[in-house]
């Protein structure tokens, strides 16, 4: 099963990754991260 970028971002965030790393891994924008992590 392929994880969505949002699922990957949530896992990275839960692991303590910073925004720069999450953006690099997932290609999500700051706006996407704001929506996801607020």
PDB file of N, CA and C in Angstrom:
ATOM      1  N   UNK A   1       0.844  -1.192   0.000  1.00  0.00           N
ATOM      2  CA  UNK A   1       0.000   0.000   0.000  1.00  0.00           C
ATOM      3  C   UNK A   1       0.883   1.246   0.000  1.00  0.00           C
ATOM      4  N   UNK A   2       0.548   2.177  -0.846  1.00  0.00           N
ATOM      5  CA  UNK A   2       1.329   3.409  -0.900  1.00  0.00           C
ATOM      6  C   UNK A   2       0.743   4.451   0.044  1.00  0.00           C
ATOM      7  N   UNK A   3       1.596   4.993   0.888  1.00  0.00           N
ATOM      8  CA  UNK A   3       1.146   6.020   1.816  1.00  0.00           C
ATOM      9  C   UNK A   3       0.999   7.348   1.087  1.00  0.00           C
ATOM     10  N   UNK A   4       0.044   8.148   1.523  1.00  0.00           N
ATOM     11  CA  UNK A   4      -0.073   9.477   0.945  1.00  0.00           C
ATOM     12  C   UNK A   4       0.999  10.384   1.521  1.00  0.00           C
ATOM     13  N   UNK A   5       1.249  11.470   0.831  1.00  0.00           N
ATOM     14  CA  UNK A   5       2.223  12.440   1.322  1.00  0.00           C
ATOM     15  C   UNK A   5       1.823  12.946   2.696  1.00  0.00           C
ATOM     16  N   UNK A   6       0.501  13.086   2.923  1.00  0.00           N
ATOM     17  CA  UNK A   6       0.047  13.597   4.212  1.00  0.00           C
ATOM     18  C   UNK A   6       0.340  12.598   5.327  1.00  0.00           C
ATOM     19  N   UNK A   7       0.140  11.314   5.052  1.00  0.00           N
ATOM     20  CA  UNK A   7       0.444  10.300   6.072  1.00  0.00           C
ATOM     21  C   UNK A   7       1.929  10.298   6.392  1.00  0.00           C
ATOM     22  N   UNK A   8       2.751  10.409   5.343  1.00  0.00           N
ATOM     23  CA  UNK A   8       4.193  10.448   5.548  1.00  0.00           C
ATOM     24  C   UNK A   8       4.576  11.678   6.363  1.00  0.00           C
ATOM     25  N   UNK A   9       3.975  12.824   6.029  1.00  0.00           N
ATOM     26  CA  UNK A   9       4.284  14.059   6.751  1.00  0.00           C
ATOM     27  C   UNK A   9       3.905  13.929   8.220  1.00  0.00           C
ATOM     28  N   UNK A  10       2.751  13.323   8.490  1.00  0.00           N
ATOM     29  CA  UNK A  10       2.324  13.150   9.882  1.00  0.00           C
ATOM     30  C   UNK A  10       3.304  12.276  10.643  1.00  0.00           C
ATOM     31  N   UNK A  11       3.767  11.209  10.005  1.00  0.00           N
ATOM     32  CA  UNK A  11       4.727  10.322  10.668  1.00  0.00           C
ATOM     33  C   UNK A  11       6.039  11.047  10.946  1.00  0.00           C
ATOM     34  N   UNK A  12       6.515  11.812   9.951  1.00  0.00           N
ATOM     35  CA  UNK A  12       7.759  12.557  10.142  1.00  0.00           C
ATOM     36  C   UNK A  12       7.602  13.570  11.264  1.00  0.00           C
ATOM     37  N   UNK A  13       6.454  14.253  11.285  1.00  0.00           N
ATOM     38  CA  UNK A  13       6.209  15.249  12.323  1.00  0.00           C
ATOM     39  C   UNK A  13       6.175  14.579  13.693  1.00  0.00           C
ATOM     40  N   UNK A  14       5.526  13.424  13.764  1.00  0.00           N
ATOM     41  CA  UNK A  14       5.450  12.690  15.027  1.00  0.00           C
ATOM     42  C   UNK A  14       6.844  12.267  15.501  1.00  0.00           C
ATOM     43  N   UNK A  15       7.735  12.036  14.532  1.00  0.00           N
ATOM     44  CA  UNK A  15       9.106  11.650  14.873  1.00  0.00           C
ATOM     45  C   UNK A  15       9.977  12.850  15.205  1.00  0.00           C
ATOM     46  N   UNK A  16       9.403  14.053  15.111  1.00  0.00           N
ATOM     47  CA  UNK A  16      10.148  15.251  15.474  1.00  0.00           C
ATOM     48  C   UNK A  16      10.892  15.913  14.325  1.00  0.00           C
ATOM     49  N   UNK A  17      10.564  15.514  13.098  1.00  0.00           N
ATOM     50  CA  UNK A  17      11.215  16.144  11.947  1.00  0.00           C
ATOM     51  C   UNK A  17      10.764  17.595  11.828  1.00  0.00           C
ATOM     52  N   UNK A  18      11.672  18.456  11.345  1.00  0.00           N
ATOM     53  CA  UNK A  18      11.276  19.852  11.177  1.00  0.00           C
ATOM     54  C   UNK A  18      10.621  20.056   9.810  1.00  0.00           C
ATOM     55  N   UNK A  19      10.027  21.228   9.641  1.00  0.00           N
ATOM     56  CA  UNK A  19       9.277  21.525   8.412  1.00  0.00           C
ATOM     57  C   UNK A  19      10.127  21.379   7.161  1.00  0.00           C
ATOM     58  N   UNK A  20      11.369  21.838   7.234  1.00  0.00           N
ATOM     59  CA  UNK A  20      12.237  21.782   6.060  1.00  0.00           C
ATOM     60  C   UNK A  20      12.416  20.339   5.605  1.00  0.00           C
ATOM     61  N   UNK A  21      12.641  19.458   6.567  1.00  0.00           N
ATOM     62  CA  UNK A  21      12.832  18.043   6.253  1.00  0.00           C
ATOM     63  C   UNK A  21      11.546  17.443   5.704  1.00  0.00           C
ATOM     64  N   UNK A  22      10.423  17.772   6.324  1.00  0.00           N
ATOM     65  CA  UNK A  22       9.142  17.245   5.860  1.00  0.00           C
ATOM     66  C   UNK A  22       8.852  17.716   4.435  1.00  0.00           C
ATOM     67  N   UNK A  23       9.106  18.985   4.175  1.00  0.00           N
ATOM     68  CA  UNK A  23       8.869  19.503   2.824  1.00  0.00           C
ATOM     69  C   UNK A  23       9.768  18.814   1.808  1.00  0.00           C
ATOM     70  N   UNK A  24      11.020  18.570   2.197  1.00  0.00           N
ATOM     71  CA  UNK A  24      11.951  17.921   1.274  1.00  0.00           C
ATOM     72  C   UNK A  24      11.520  16.483   0.984  1.00  0.00           C
ATOM     73  N   UNK A  25      11.036  15.782   1.996  1.00  0.00           N
ATOM     74  CA  UNK A  25      10.640  14.384   1.815  1.00  0.00           C
ATOM     75  C   UNK A  25       9.329  14.240   1.051  1.00  0.00           C
ATOM     76  N   UNK A  26       8.388  15.178   1.284  1.00  0.00           N
ATOM     77  CA  UNK A  26       7.042  14.981   0.751  1.00  0.00           C
ATOM     78  C   UNK A  26       6.707  15.889  -0.417  1.00  0.00           C
ATOM     79  N   UNK A  27       7.434  17.013  -0.543  1.00  0.00           N
ATOM     80  CA  UNK A  27       7.111  17.969  -1.587  1.00  0.00           C
ATOM     81  C   UNK A  27       5.885  18.818  -1.265  1.00  0.00           C
ATOM     82  N   UNK A  28       5.412  18.741  -0.019  1.00  0.00           N
ATOM     83  CA  UNK A  28       4.256  19.549   0.375  1.00  0.00           C
ATOM     84  C   UNK A  28       4.677  20.996   0.588  1.00  0.00           C
ATOM     85  N   UNK A  29       3.711  21.895   0.439  1.00  0.00           N
ATOM     86  CA  UNK A  29       3.978  23.321   0.642  1.00  0.00           C
ATOM     87  C   UNK A  29       3.773  23.695   2.106  1.00  0.00           C
ATOM     88  N   UNK A  30       4.197  24.917   2.458  1.00  0.00           N
ATOM     89  CA  UNK A  30       3.943  25.409   3.813  1.00  0.00           C
ATOM     90  C   UNK A  30       2.449  25.445   4.108  1.00  0.00           C
ATOM     91  N   UNK A  31       1.647  25.835   3.111  1.00  0.00           N
ATOM     92  CA  UNK A  31       0.199  25.885   3.313  1.00  0.00           C
ATOM     93  C   UNK A  31      -0.351  24.490   3.613  1.00  0.00           C
ATOM     94  N   UNK A  32       0.153  23.490   2.887  1.00  0.00           N
ATOM     95  CA  UNK A  32      -0.268  22.108   3.156  1.00  0.00           C
ATOM     96  C   UNK A  32       0.087  21.704   4.577  1.00  0.00           C
ATOM     97  N   UNK A  33       1.289  22.069   5.009  1.00  0.00           N
ATOM     98  CA  UNK A  33       1.721  21.714   6.358  1.00  0.00           C
ATOM     99  C   UNK A  33       0.901  22.434   7.413  1.00  0.00           C
ATOM    100  N   UNK A  34       0.560  23.704   7.142  1.00  0.00           N
ATOM    101  CA  UNK A  34      -0.289  24.444   8.088  1.00  0.00           C
ATOM    102  C   UNK A  34      -1.618  23.727   8.258  1.00  0.00           C
ATOM    103  N   UNK A  35      -2.196  23.293   7.146  1.00  0.00           N
ATOM    104  CA  UNK A  35      -3.478  22.580   7.189  1.00  0.00           C
ATOM    105  C   UNK A  35      -3.338  21.266   7.940  1.00  0.00           C
ATOM    106  N   UNK A  36      -2.234  20.576   7.666  1.00  0.00           N
ATOM    107  CA  UNK A  36      -2.039  19.244   8.222  1.00  0.00           C
ATOM    108  C   UNK A  36      -1.725  19.272   9.712  1.00  0.00           C
ATOM    109  N   UNK A  37      -0.937  20.249  10.142  1.00  0.00           N
ATOM    110  CA  UNK A  37      -0.341  20.199  11.474  1.00  0.00           C
ATOM    111  C   UNK A  37      -0.942  21.166  12.479  1.00  0.00           C
ATOM    112  N   UNK A  38      -1.913  21.946  12.073  1.00  0.00           N
ATOM    113  CA  UNK A  38      -2.457  22.953  12.998  1.00  0.00           C
ATOM    114  C   UNK A  38      -3.179  22.305  14.170  1.00  0.00           C
TER     115      UNK A  38
END
